[in-house]
Amino acid sequence: MNMGYGTMVAIAAGTCFGVCSAAIAGPVDFVEQTGAVGLSHSHATVTAGPDMEFMGGGGVVADFDRDGDQDLFVIGGSGGIDLLYWNDGNGNFTEGGAAAGVARSHRGSGAAAGDYDNDGDLDIMVTSTGSVATGMLPGQNIFYRNNGDGTFTDVTATAGVATNNPNNGDAFSPAFGDYDLDGDLDLAVAGWLGGNRLYRNNGDGTFTDVTVASIVADMSVVRGFAPQFVDMDGDLYPEILWVSDFFTSKYLVNNGDGTFTDQTVSSGTGLDSNGMGNTFGDLNNDGLLDWYATSRISSAGAGSGNMFYRATGVDHVYEEVSVETGCNFGYWGWGASAIDFDQDGWLDIIATNGFTVENTTDPTVLFINDGTGNFVESAAASGITDTGQGRGLLNVDLENDGDQDVLIFNNRQPMVCLRNDSAGGAAITLEFNTDAVDGLAPDGFGTRVELTAGGMTQVRYLSGGSNYLAQSELSVHFGIGSETEADIDIYYADGSTDSLAGVSSGRYTITARECIADFAPSGNLNFLDVSAFLGLFSSQHPQADLTVDGSFNFLDISAFLSAYGSGCP
């Protein structure tokens, strides 16, 4: 299948991975805006000790009403209530959880969003360690189906994901991903007391627990915190990066037949003493995806600190380089994200922290990439002063202004919204609509994107995994510095490709389609496709550049008319 007009173009001669620097990098500047934008949430629990809920506090951003902006579902805790904030399109929020049917009080942990039933709306998986009345008991996870009208229905019993540990209230980060590439979203749920589960989506609204059958490793001894589905070797099938406590993190290689092999030791990973948070990305711009796990380190040096597993170029082999690259010391780490905050073409890392005794006021850390794959801790210099009990963390463009903001979910404390006001370069953000193509998971899960601008190529991969109890927006974001346009190659999870030339800075929704002229994807060509094409052409959307030359002119119109006349296969 070829989506778009023409085939993927090769990367031009002179393109470099990891040796070119971006043309512009302004100062990174965050401004705390929590109350100002209407986010009044404060996580609360009925107990105050270091229990299971002491490790909780998360949420998920997603466009739940499909109006073009990011909404927010947040865990309230046993002393509070789960909330749903609707975005007005300008980054201001109104809470509407009760009307939406998601205002639940329980010992909640984390959340993830994904369209599990392929109906076009993003659903919510919520993990929980128990109820308010009965304490830490199993069977309290909640699965909400999005009804598409601003409301949700609890379908937990039908879905079959209420319990991931039959003996304990043991559910932490959930994560969606299509591990078998059948076009629907499967689910991983981490359990700190061994209740780690992999659920296969049956395609009928239900899931089957395939943990034992699919994972060649004893997951019952894994102190799981945060799983992530990421294709680390380029064979399309995503591995599972399962960050876990007490040296039990797992690097699980997808065999492409529905099973996973534990290659933690041979990969050189699993060195994090207390793995908690999870992020990934091409941190040194060499075209290979790296893995970053948060952990703990004391002022006296106890604990491993955060681990940077840098890809070596040999499939599933990494070198741990956190100390020499400047991103090891991060206090007591939890949620983390790798994103290009200053939009200079290099991924930065943010991580939130906190625990007891000497860690009660641990600051959030921000590691700014210096353009070589090394990092400089710059939180205070960038205006980040949060010292709360950070747990979940995510990145999101709240006001659709092109850069990525940060939300931090503090345990038993108010959440924090950090607006990105950095005077950095331009950026391109891509979302995906893959609903029209059989065999592709919705919202572009599993899509790899390569962007080339100013002689430098960057790589991104769209995963719906967990940073730790929290999931960032479902997009890929590229900083392009002072460049005005970029060429983009898209690699979908079914092996098909698309190319976009001369893309200007901005945010775009890329629609995958099997038929070139089917711009209102339905499998049939009619006036709706003509109208959709003309709308994209007039706004200079990159997919309307059917000649893939970076220009919008009569040649594109001619190409559309020719394709339209040929019909769909």
Protein backbone atom coordinates (compact mmCIF):
# COMPACT_ATOMS: atom_id res chain seq x y z
CA MET A 1 0.00 0.00 0.00
CA ASN A 2 1.28 3.46 -0.90
CA MET A 3 -0.30 6.42 0.84
CA GLY A 4 0.09 9.81 -0.79
CA TYR A 5 1.33 10.47 -4.31
CA GLY A 6 4.55 8.76 -5.31
CA THR A 7 6.91 6.69 -3.24
CA MET A 8 9.18 7.63 -0.38
CA VAL A 9 12.17 9.70 -1.46
CA ALA A 10 15.64 8.84 -0.25
CA ILE A 11 17.43 11.10 2.20
CA ALA A 12 19.54 13.53 0.26
CA ALA A 13 23.30 13.30 0.10
CA GLY A 14 24.96 15.34 2.80
CA THR A 15 22.29 14.59 5.39
CA CYS A 16 23.85 13.85 8.74
CA PHE A 17 22.82 12.00 11.84
CA GLY A 18 24.26 13.51 15.00
CA VAL A 19 26.95 15.83 13.58
CA CYS A 20 24.96 18.86 12.47
CA SER A 21 23.87 21.53 14.94
CA ALA A 22 20.62 23.43 14.67
CA ALA A 23 20.80 26.99 13.42
CA ILE A 24 19.05 28.54 16.40
CA ALA A 25 18.60 27.75 20.09
CA GLY A 26 16.98 30.31 22.35
CA PRO A 27 16.74 30.21 26.14
CA VAL A 28 14.32 27.74 27.68
CA ASP A 29 11.66 29.51 29.72
CA PHE A 30 8.73 28.00 31.62
CA VAL A 31 6.02 29.90 33.46
CA GLU A 32 3.78 28.26 36.08
CA GLN A 33 0.14 28.70 34.98
CA THR A 34 -1.85 26.10 36.91
CA GLY A 35 -4.56 28.22 38.50
CA ALA A 36 -4.53 30.79 35.71
CA VAL A 37 -5.76 28.22 33.17
CA GLY A 38 -8.38 26.67 35.45
CA LEU A 39 -6.53 23.57 36.67
CA SER A 40 -7.57 23.51 40.31
CA HIS A 41 -6.86 19.81 40.91
CA SER A 42 -5.09 18.62 44.04
CA HIS A 43 -4.42 14.92 44.55
CA ALA A 44 -5.65 13.69 47.97
CA THR A 45 -5.77 10.39 49.88
CA VAL A 46 -7.58 9.13 52.98
CA THR A 47 -4.28 8.02 54.53
CA ALA A 48 -1.03 9.90 54.98
CA GLY A 49 1.65 7.22 55.20
CA PRO A 50 4.07 5.78 52.63
CA ASP A 51 1.55 3.22 51.32
CA MET A 52 0.67 2.21 47.77
CA GLU A 53 -1.16 5.48 47.18
CA PHE A 54 1.98 7.35 48.15
CA MET A 55 3.37 6.24 44.78
CA GLY A 56 0.24 7.37 42.90
CA GLY A 57 -0.90 10.42 41.01
CA GLY A 58 -1.20 10.64 37.25
CA GLY A 59 -3.33 11.52 34.28
CA VAL A 60 -3.58 11.58 30.50
CA VAL A 61 -4.04 14.25 27.84
CA ALA A 62 -5.98 13.52 24.66
CA ASP A 63 -8.46 15.14 22.32
CA PHE A 64 -11.44 13.32 23.83
CA ASP A 65 -14.06 15.40 21.99
CA ARG A 66 -12.08 15.58 18.71
CA ASP A 67 -12.30 19.36 18.52
CA GLY A 68 -8.62 19.90 17.81
CA ASP A 69 -7.22 20.56 21.27
CA GLN A 70 -5.95 18.48 24.17
CA ASP A 71 -8.22 17.70 27.12
CA LEU A 72 -7.10 16.27 30.46
CA PHE A 73 -8.21 13.35 32.62
CA VAL A 74 -6.58 13.37 36.04
CA ILE A 75 -6.52 10.93 38.98
CA GLY A 76 -8.02 12.40 42.15
CA GLY A 77 -7.01 9.83 44.77
CA SER A 78 -9.05 8.16 47.51
CA GLY A 79 -9.50 11.50 49.27
CA GLY A 80 -10.54 13.23 46.06
CA ILE A 81 -12.27 12.47 42.81
CA ASP A 82 -11.17 11.81 39.23
CA LEU A 83 -11.64 14.86 37.03
CA LEU A 84 -12.01 15.60 33.32
CA TYR A 85 -10.96 19.05 32.12
CA TRP A 86 -12.19 20.25 28.72
CA ASN A 87 -9.85 22.55 26.78
CA ASP A 88 -11.45 25.63 25.21
CA GLY A 89 -8.87 25.69 22.41
CA ASN A 90 -6.75 28.38 24.02
CA GLY A 91 -5.33 26.32 26.86
CA ASN A 92 -8.02 27.23 29.40
CA PHE A 93 -9.95 24.46 31.13
CA THR A 94 -13.42 23.73 32.50
CA GLU A 95 -13.94 20.67 34.69
CA GLY A 96 -16.75 18.34 33.63
CA GLY A 97 -15.99 14.91 35.04
CA ALA A 98 -19.38 14.30 36.64
CA ALA A 99 -21.32 15.13 33.48
CA ALA A 100 -18.93 12.96 31.46
CA GLY A 101 -19.43 10.00 33.80
CA VAL A 102 -15.85 9.66 35.02
CA ALA A 103 -16.02 11.32 38.45
CA ARG A 104 -14.95 8.33 40.53
CA SER A 105 -13.40 8.31 44.01
CA HIS A 106 -10.97 5.41 44.47
CA ARG A 107 -7.32 4.64 45.13
CA GLY A 108 -6.38 5.56 41.59
CA SER A 109 -2.90 5.27 40.12
CA GLY A 110 -2.57 6.19 36.45
CA ALA A 111 -4.33 6.50 33.13
CA ALA A 112 -3.83 5.99 29.40
CA ALA A 113 -5.89 6.85 26.31
CA GLY A 114 -6.42 4.86 23.14
CA ASP A 115 -9.21 4.04 20.70
CA TYR A 116 -9.52 0.37 21.68
CA ASP A 117 -12.69 -0.30 19.64
CA ASN A 118 -11.63 1.63 16.50
CA ASP A 119 -14.73 3.81 16.51
CA GLY A 120 -12.85 7.09 16.16
CA ASP A 121 -12.99 8.19 19.80
CA LEU A 122 -10.28 7.92 22.44
CA ASP A 123 -11.15 5.71 25.39
CA ILE A 124 -9.54 5.69 28.86
CA MET A 125 -7.89 2.95 30.90
CA VAL A 126 -7.61 3.85 34.59
CA THR A 127 -5.55 1.80 37.03
CA SER A 128 -6.41 1.55 40.71
CA THR A 129 -5.06 -0.09 43.85
CA GLY A 130 -8.45 -0.31 45.57
CA SER A 131 -11.63 1.36 46.69
CA VAL A 132 -12.10 4.01 49.35
CA ALA A 133 -14.27 1.79 51.53
CA THR A 134 -12.44 -1.53 51.36
CA GLY A 135 -8.83 -0.41 51.00
CA MET A 136 -6.16 -2.00 48.84
CA LEU A 137 -8.03 -4.77 47.07
CA PRO A 138 -7.80 -6.10 43.51
CA GLY A 139 -10.38 -5.66 40.79
CA GLN A 140 -10.72 -1.87 40.89
CA ASN A 141 -9.27 -0.88 37.47
CA ILE A 142 -11.72 1.07 35.31
CA PHE A 143 -12.12 1.03 31.54
CA TYR A 144 -14.16 3.86 30.01
CA ARG A 145 -15.53 3.70 26.47
CA ASN A 146 -15.88 7.11 24.85
CA ASN A 147 -19.45 7.51 23.56
CA GLY A 148 -18.45 10.29 21.18
CA ASP A 149 -20.83 12.82 22.74
CA GLY A 150 -18.78 14.06 25.67
CA THR A 151 -19.72 11.16 27.91
CA PHE A 152 -18.10 7.84 28.82
CA THR A 153 -19.47 4.41 29.76
CA ASP A 154 -17.80 2.04 32.22
CA VAL A 155 -17.20 -1.17 30.24
CA THR A 156 -14.64 -2.70 32.61
CA ALA A 157 -16.54 -5.94 33.17
CA THR A 158 -16.94 -6.55 29.44
CA ALA A 159 -13.37 -5.57 28.58
CA GLY A 160 -11.95 -7.98 31.17
CA VAL A 161 -9.21 -5.75 32.59
CA ALA A 162 -10.52 -5.02 36.10
CA THR A 163 -7.93 -7.17 37.84
CA ASN A 164 -4.25 -7.50 36.98
CA ASN A 165 -3.20 -9.04 40.31
CA PRO A 166 -5.71 -11.46 41.87
CA ASN A 167 -4.23 -11.07 45.34
CA ASN A 168 -3.57 -7.35 45.78
CA GLY A 169 -4.63 -3.89 44.71
CA ASP A 170 -1.58 -3.72 42.48
CA ALA A 171 -2.01 -1.62 39.35
CA PHE A 172 0.25 1.20 38.27
CA SER A 173 0.98 2.45 34.76
CA PRO A 174 -1.21 1.31 31.84
CA ALA A 175 -0.02 1.59 28.23
CA PHE A 176 -1.63 0.98 24.84
CA GLY A 177 0.19 -0.38 21.78
CA ASP A 178 -0.38 -2.69 18.82
CA TYR A 179 2.22 -5.38 19.54
CA ASP A 180 0.84 -7.92 17.02
CA LEU A 181 0.22 -5.36 14.24
CA ASP A 182 -3.36 -6.45 13.68
CA GLY A 183 -4.71 -2.92 13.69
CA ASP A 184 -6.19 -2.73 17.19
CA LEU A 185 -4.68 -1.57 20.45
CA ASP A 186 -3.42 -4.06 22.99
CA LEU A 187 -2.74 -3.13 26.60
CA ALA A 188 0.06 -3.54 29.13
CA VAL A 189 -0.50 -2.90 32.83
CA ALA A 190 2.36 -2.74 35.35
CA GLY A 191 2.08 -4.13 38.86
CA TRP A 192 4.59 -3.34 41.62
CA LEU A 193 3.67 -6.52 43.50
CA GLY A 194 4.08 -8.68 40.44
CA GLY A 195 0.72 -8.06 38.79
CA ASN A 196 2.22 -7.25 35.39
CA ARG A 197 -0.12 -8.10 32.56
CA LEU A 198 -0.13 -8.07 28.76
CA TYR A 199 -3.64 -8.05 27.29
CA ARG A 200 -4.33 -8.83 23.63
CA ASN A 201 -7.21 -6.94 22.06
CA ASN A 202 -9.68 -9.46 20.61
CA GLY A 203 -11.23 -6.89 18.29
CA ASP A 204 -14.69 -7.27 19.81
CA GLY A 205 -14.45 -4.98 22.83
CA THR A 206 -12.72 -7.55 25.01
CA PHE A 207 -9.13 -8.35 26.00
CA THR A 208 -7.40 -11.65 26.73
CA ASP A 209 -4.60 -11.98 29.28
CA VAL A 210 -1.68 -13.41 27.28
CA THR A 211 1.11 -12.61 29.74
CA VAL A 212 2.32 -16.14 30.39
CA ALA A 213 1.78 -17.33 26.83
CA SER A 214 3.46 -14.35 25.19
CA ILE A 215 6.30 -13.23 27.46
CA VAL A 216 9.24 -15.59 27.88
CA ALA A 217 10.08 -14.21 31.32
CA ASP A 218 8.64 -14.54 34.80
CA MET A 219 6.75 -11.26 35.10
CA SER A 220 5.44 -12.20 38.56
CA VAL A 221 8.80 -11.25 40.08
CA VAL A 222 8.99 -7.96 38.22
CA ARG A 223 8.27 -4.88 40.36
CA GLY A 224 6.60 -3.12 37.47
CA PHE A 225 6.01 0.62 37.23
CA ALA A 226 5.88 1.83 33.59
CA PRO A 227 5.65 -0.11 30.28
CA GLN A 228 6.19 1.41 26.85
CA PHE A 229 5.63 -0.11 23.35
CA VAL A 230 8.46 1.02 21.04
CA ASP A 231 9.92 -0.52 17.87
CA MET A 232 13.61 -0.38 18.78
CA ASP A 233 15.04 -2.40 15.87
CA GLY A 234 13.02 -1.12 12.90
CA ASP A 235 11.17 -4.35 12.11
CA LEU A 236 7.79 -2.64 12.78
CA TYR A 237 6.95 -4.92 15.73
CA PRO A 238 7.25 -2.92 18.98
CA GLU A 239 9.36 -4.10 21.87
CA ILE A 240 8.12 -3.52 25.44
CA LEU A 241 10.35 -1.38 27.63
CA TRP A 242 9.11 -2.33 31.10
CA VAL A 243 10.65 -0.03 33.72
CA SER A 244 10.57 -1.66 37.16
CA ASP A 245 11.86 -1.33 40.72
CA PHE A 246 14.73 -3.17 42.45
CA PHE A 247 16.79 -4.03 39.34
CA THR A 248 13.82 -5.82 37.69
CA SER A 249 13.35 -3.62 34.60
CA LYS A 250 12.82 -5.69 31.46
CA TYR A 251 13.81 -5.20 27.83
CA LEU A 252 11.38 -7.47 25.98
CA VAL A 253 12.09 -8.08 22.28
CA ASN A 254 9.09 -8.66 20.04
CA ASN A 255 9.60 -11.85 18.02
CA GLY A 256 6.90 -10.95 15.50
CA ASP A 257 4.85 -14.05 16.27
CA GLY A 258 2.96 -12.82 19.30
CA THR A 259 5.74 -13.60 21.75
CA PHE A 260 8.48 -11.61 23.50
CA THR A 261 11.96 -12.68 24.57
CA ASP A 262 13.68 -11.23 27.61
CA GLN A 263 16.95 -9.71 26.36
CA THR A 264 17.56 -7.43 29.33
CA VAL A 265 21.01 -8.78 30.18
CA SER A 266 22.33 -9.12 26.64
CA SER A 267 21.00 -5.65 25.73
CA GLY A 268 23.01 -3.97 28.48
CA THR A 269 19.88 -2.51 30.09
CA GLY A 270 18.17 -3.18 33.42
CA LEU A 271 20.91 -1.36 35.35
CA ASP A 272 18.50 1.08 36.99
CA SER A 273 18.41 0.23 40.70
CA ASN A 274 14.85 1.50 41.15
CA GLY A 275 13.36 1.99 37.72
CA MET A 276 10.23 4.15 37.88
CA GLY A 277 9.79 6.48 34.92
CA ASN A 278 10.10 5.76 31.23
CA THR A 279 10.93 7.80 28.16
CA PHE A 280 12.74 7.21 24.88
CA GLY A 281 13.94 8.98 21.77
CA ASP A 282 16.94 9.62 19.55
CA LEU A 283 18.83 11.62 22.16
CA ASN A 284 22.01 12.09 20.11
CA ASN A 285 20.48 12.36 16.61
CA ASP A 286 22.23 9.32 15.19
CA GLY A 287 19.03 7.85 13.76
CA LEU A 288 18.66 5.26 16.55
CA LEU A 289 16.18 5.22 19.40
CA ASP A 290 17.60 5.33 22.93
CA TRP A 291 15.95 4.52 26.27
CA TYR A 292 15.96 6.66 29.41
CA ALA A 293 14.77 5.28 32.76
CA THR A 294 14.42 7.30 35.94
CA SER A 295 15.56 5.80 39.22
CA ARG A 296 16.90 7.16 42.50
CA ILE A 297 20.20 8.44 43.80
CA SER A 298 20.91 9.92 47.22
CA SER A 299 23.22 12.79 48.08
CA ALA A 300 25.64 10.12 49.34
CA GLY A 301 25.49 8.31 46.00
CA ALA A 302 23.24 5.40 46.97
CA GLY A 303 21.23 4.07 44.04
CA SER A 304 22.01 4.05 40.34
CA GLY A 305 20.52 7.41 39.43
CA ASN A 306 18.73 7.84 36.11
CA MET A 307 19.96 5.60 33.29
CA PHE A 308 20.59 6.60 29.67
CA TYR A 309 20.76 3.47 27.50
CA ARG A 310 22.26 4.75 24.25
CA ALA A 311 21.87 2.59 21.14
CA THR A 312 25.13 1.21 19.74
CA GLY A 313 23.98 0.43 16.21
CA VAL A 314 23.78 -3.29 16.93
CA ASP A 315 20.17 -4.41 17.30
CA HIS A 316 19.15 -4.57 20.95
CA VAL A 317 22.56 -3.63 22.34
CA TYR A 318 23.01 -0.44 24.38
CA GLU A 319 25.68 1.36 26.37
CA GLU A 320 24.75 3.08 29.63
CA VAL A 321 26.13 6.64 29.43
CA SER A 322 24.16 8.76 31.91
CA VAL A 323 27.14 9.94 33.96
CA GLU A 324 29.36 10.99 31.07
CA THR A 325 26.47 12.71 29.26
CA GLY A 326 25.34 14.66 32.33
CA CYS A 327 21.85 13.22 32.95
CA ASN A 328 22.40 10.75 35.79
CA PHE A 329 21.69 12.72 38.96
CA GLY A 330 17.97 13.27 39.33
CA TYR A 331 17.16 12.77 43.02
CA TRP A 332 14.27 10.26 43.50
CA GLY A 333 12.94 10.00 39.97
CA TRP A 334 9.43 9.25 38.74
CA GLY A 335 7.80 10.54 35.56
CA ALA A 336 9.96 11.72 32.65
CA SER A 337 9.64 12.90 29.07
CA ALA A 338 12.07 13.49 26.19
CA ILE A 339 10.96 16.44 24.08
CA ASP A 340 12.63 19.32 22.21
CA PHE A 341 11.56 22.18 24.46
CA ASP A 342 13.70 24.86 22.81
CA GLN A 343 13.01 23.51 19.32
CA ASP A 344 16.64 23.43 18.27
CA GLY A 345 16.41 19.93 16.79
CA TRP A 346 17.74 18.07 19.85
CA LEU A 347 15.67 16.23 22.45
CA ASP A 348 15.80 17.47 26.03
CA ILE A 349 14.72 15.51 29.12
CA ILE A 350 12.49 16.57 32.01
CA ALA A 351 11.91 14.41 35.09
CA THR A 352 9.98 14.92 38.31
CA ASN A 353 11.05 13.69 41.74
CA GLY A 354 10.15 13.18 45.38
CA PHE A 355 9.89 10.71 48.25
CA THR A 356 10.46 10.78 52.02
CA VAL A 357 13.20 11.93 54.45
CA GLU A 358 15.81 13.80 52.36
CA ASN A 359 13.63 13.70 49.23
CA THR A 360 10.54 15.55 50.48
CA THR A 361 11.35 18.66 48.44
CA ASP A 362 13.24 17.21 45.50
CA PRO A 363 13.11 19.62 42.55
CA THR A 364 12.00 18.72 39.04
CA VAL A 365 15.08 18.45 36.82
CA LEU A 366 15.47 19.65 33.23
CA PHE A 367 18.35 18.33 31.17
CA ILE A 368 18.91 20.54 28.13
CA ASN A 369 20.64 18.86 25.19
CA ASP A 370 23.73 20.86 24.19
CA GLY A 371 23.53 19.74 20.56
CA THR A 372 25.91 16.81 20.90
CA GLY A 373 23.84 14.37 22.92
CA ASN A 374 25.20 15.68 26.22
CA PHE A 375 23.06 17.47 28.78
CA VAL A 376 23.14 20.44 31.14
CA GLU A 377 20.76 20.52 34.10
CA SER A 378 18.84 23.80 33.69
CA ALA A 379 15.57 23.61 35.63
CA ALA A 380 16.11 26.63 37.88
CA ALA A 381 17.58 28.68 35.03
CA SER A 382 14.49 27.84 32.96
CA GLY A 383 11.99 28.98 35.58
CA ILE A 384 11.07 25.54 36.92
CA THR A 385 10.80 25.79 40.70
CA ASP A 386 8.50 22.84 41.46
CA THR A 387 9.63 20.92 44.54
CA GLY A 388 6.43 18.96 45.11
CA GLN A 389 5.98 15.21 45.46
CA GLY A 390 6.12 14.64 41.71
CA ARG A 391 4.83 11.35 40.30
CA GLY A 392 3.26 11.47 36.85
CA LEU A 393 4.54 13.90 34.20
CA LEU A 394 3.59 14.52 30.58
CA ASN A 395 4.23 16.89 27.69
CA VAL A 396 1.44 18.58 25.73
CA ASP A 397 0.80 21.65 23.58
CA LEU A 398 -2.01 23.08 25.69
CA GLU A 399 -2.74 26.23 23.70
CA ASN A 400 -1.84 25.02 20.20
CA ASP A 401 1.00 27.52 19.87
CA GLY A 402 3.53 25.01 18.54
CA ASP A 403 5.73 24.32 21.56
CA GLN A 404 5.36 21.67 24.23
CA ASP A 405 4.20 22.46 27.76
CA VAL A 406 4.46 20.24 30.85
CA LEU A 407 1.99 18.92 33.42
CA ILE A 408 3.24 17.44 36.70
CA PHE A 409 0.98 15.40 38.98
CA ASN A 410 2.09 15.75 42.58
CA ASN A 411 1.15 13.17 45.19
CA ARG A 412 -1.20 14.57 47.87
CA GLN A 413 -0.49 18.04 46.54
CA PRO A 414 -1.75 20.32 43.73
CA MET A 415 -0.74 19.55 40.17
CA VAL A 416 1.55 21.94 38.28
CA CYS A 417 1.11 23.36 34.77
CA LEU A 418 4.27 24.75 33.19
CA ARG A 419 3.69 26.83 30.05
CA ASN A 420 6.58 26.83 27.61
CA ASP A 421 7.48 30.42 26.71
CA SER A 422 10.88 29.57 25.27
CA ALA A 423 12.25 31.90 22.61
CA GLY A 424 13.38 28.97 20.53
CA GLY A 425 13.08 28.01 16.90
CA ALA A 426 10.19 26.86 14.73
CA ALA A 427 8.54 23.46 15.04
CA ILE A 428 6.48 20.91 13.14
CA THR A 429 4.01 18.69 15.01
CA LEU A 430 2.21 15.78 13.37
CA GLU A 431 -0.90 13.96 14.54
CA PHE A 432 -2.26 10.98 12.62
CA ASN A 433 -5.63 9.75 11.46
CA THR A 434 -5.16 6.12 10.47
CA ASP A 435 -8.77 5.00 10.88
CA ALA A 436 -9.41 4.44 7.17
CA VAL A 437 -6.68 1.85 6.64
CA ASP A 438 -7.34 -1.75 7.66
CA GLY A 439 -4.48 -3.18 9.67
CA LEU A 440 -3.28 0.16 11.04
CA ALA A 441 -3.88 0.93 14.69
CA PRO A 442 -5.78 4.19 15.28
CA ASP A 443 -4.14 7.59 15.86
CA GLY A 444 -0.85 6.53 14.30
CA PHE A 445 0.34 4.23 17.07
CA GLY A 446 3.61 2.66 15.92
CA THR A 447 4.42 5.29 13.27
CA ARG A 448 8.07 6.27 12.76
CA VAL A 449 8.81 9.68 11.24
CA GLU A 450 12.07 11.08 9.87
CA LEU A 451 12.37 14.82 9.31
CA THR A 452 15.22 16.52 7.47
CA ALA A 453 15.88 20.25 7.76
CA GLY A 454 19.07 22.25 7.48
CA GLY A 455 21.17 19.18 6.75
CA MET A 456 20.08 17.38 9.92
CA THR A 457 17.74 14.40 10.16
CA GLN A 458 15.67 13.74 13.27
CA VAL A 459 13.72 10.62 14.18
CA ARG A 460 10.51 10.33 16.19
CA TYR A 461 8.26 7.36 17.03
CA LEU A 462 4.64 7.61 18.15
CA SER A 463 4.01 5.48 21.23
CA GLY A 464 1.10 5.57 23.64
CA GLY A 465 3.25 4.23 26.46
CA SER A 466 3.53 5.44 30.00
CA ASN A 467 5.98 8.04 31.31
CA TYR A 468 4.90 6.85 34.78
CA LEU A 469 1.17 6.88 35.52
CA ALA A 470 0.80 9.52 32.77
CA GLN A 471 0.61 9.60 28.97
CA SER A 472 1.67 12.54 26.80
CA GLU A 473 -0.21 13.79 23.75
CA LEU A 474 -0.40 11.44 20.76
CA SER A 475 1.82 13.34 18.34
CA VAL A 476 5.38 13.63 17.09
CA HIS A 477 7.08 16.99 17.57
CA PHE A 478 10.19 18.32 15.80
CA GLY A 479 12.09 21.51 16.42
CA ILE A 480 13.57 22.92 13.19
CA GLY A 481 15.44 25.93 14.58
CA SER A 482 15.69 28.78 12.11
CA GLU A 483 14.72 26.63 9.13
CA THR A 484 11.49 27.56 7.37
CA GLU A 485 10.60 24.14 6.02
CA ALA A 486 11.48 20.46 6.21
CA ASP A 487 11.14 17.23 4.25
CA ILE A 488 9.36 14.39 6.03
CA ASP A 489 9.29 10.64 5.49
CA ILE A 490 6.60 8.62 7.27
CA TYR A 491 6.90 4.90 7.99
CA TYR A 492 3.60 3.39 9.05
CA ALA A 493 3.35 0.28 11.20
CA ASP A 494 2.08 -1.83 8.28
CA GLY A 495 5.19 -1.12 6.20
CA SER A 496 3.66 1.54 3.95
CA THR A 497 5.31 4.93 3.56
CA ASP A 498 4.56 8.49 2.62
CA SER A 499 6.67 11.55 1.86
CA LEU A 500 6.00 15.24 2.39
CA ALA A 501 8.24 17.90 0.89
CA GLY A 502 8.87 21.47 1.97
CA VAL A 503 6.61 21.34 5.02
CA SER A 504 6.32 24.68 6.81
CA SER A 505 6.24 25.00 10.58
CA GLY A 506 2.87 24.22 12.12
CA ARG A 507 0.66 21.45 13.45
CA TYR A 508 -0.84 19.02 10.94
CA THR A 509 -3.11 16.00 11.01
CA ILE A 510 -1.83 13.44 8.53
CA THR A 511 -4.50 11.11 7.17
CA ALA A 512 -3.43 7.67 6.01
CA ARG A 513 -5.36 6.43 3.00
CA GLU A 514 -5.04 3.52 0.62
CA CYS A 515 -6.34 5.41 -2.41
CA ILE A 516 -4.49 8.55 -3.53
CA ALA A 517 -7.55 10.66 -4.32
CA ASP A 518 -9.62 9.43 -1.37
CA PHE A 519 -9.21 12.63 0.68
CA ALA A 520 -12.41 12.00 2.67
CA PRO A 521 -11.43 8.37 3.25
CA SER A 522 -14.29 6.02 2.52
CA GLY A 523 -12.99 3.71 -0.21
CA ASN A 524 -15.22 5.48 -2.73
CA LEU A 525 -14.57 8.71 -4.62
CA ASN A 526 -17.19 11.46 -4.67
CA PHE A 527 -17.66 15.20 -4.23
CA LEU A 528 -16.56 14.94 -0.59
CA ASP A 529 -13.08 13.99 -1.73
CA VAL A 530 -12.96 16.96 -4.12
CA SER A 531 -14.06 19.29 -1.34
CA ALA A 532 -11.55 17.82 1.12
CA PHE A 533 -8.69 18.12 -1.36
CA LEU A 534 -9.53 21.73 -2.22
CA GLY A 535 -9.73 22.61 1.48
CA LEU A 536 -6.29 21.15 2.16
CA PHE A 537 -4.87 22.68 -1.01
CA SER A 538 -6.08 26.17 -0.11
CA SER A 539 -4.54 25.88 3.37
CA GLN A 540 -1.32 24.44 1.89
CA HIS A 541 -1.57 21.27 3.91
CA PRO A 542 1.43 19.07 3.05
CA GLN A 543 -0.75 16.16 1.90
CA ALA A 544 -2.27 18.33 -0.83
CA ASP A 545 1.19 18.64 -2.40
CA LEU A 546 0.57 15.61 -4.59
CA THR A 547 3.68 16.19 -6.70
CA VAL A 548 5.80 16.20 -3.51
CA ASP A 549 7.86 19.19 -4.64
CA GLY A 550 7.11 21.62 -1.82
CA SER A 551 4.93 23.82 -4.03
CA PHE A 552 1.17 24.16 -4.35
CA ASN A 553 0.13 24.83 -7.95
CA PHE A 554 -1.86 23.55 -10.91
CA LEU A 555 0.36 20.45 -11.09
CA ASP A 556 -1.10 19.24 -7.81
CA ILE A 557 -4.63 19.90 -9.03
CA SER A 558 -3.84 18.01 -12.23
CA ALA A 559 -2.40 15.11 -10.24
CA PHE A 560 -5.53 14.98 -8.10
CA LEU A 561 -7.85 15.01 -11.13
CA SER A 562 -5.84 12.24 -12.73
CA ALA A 563 -5.96 10.11 -9.60
CA TYR A 564 -9.65 10.85 -9.11
CA GLY A 565 -10.37 9.80 -12.68
CA SER A 566 -8.51 6.53 -12.18
CA GLY A 567 -10.70 5.66 -9.19
CA CYS A 568 -9.82 3.51 -6.20
CA PRO A 569 -8.65 -0.08 -6.56
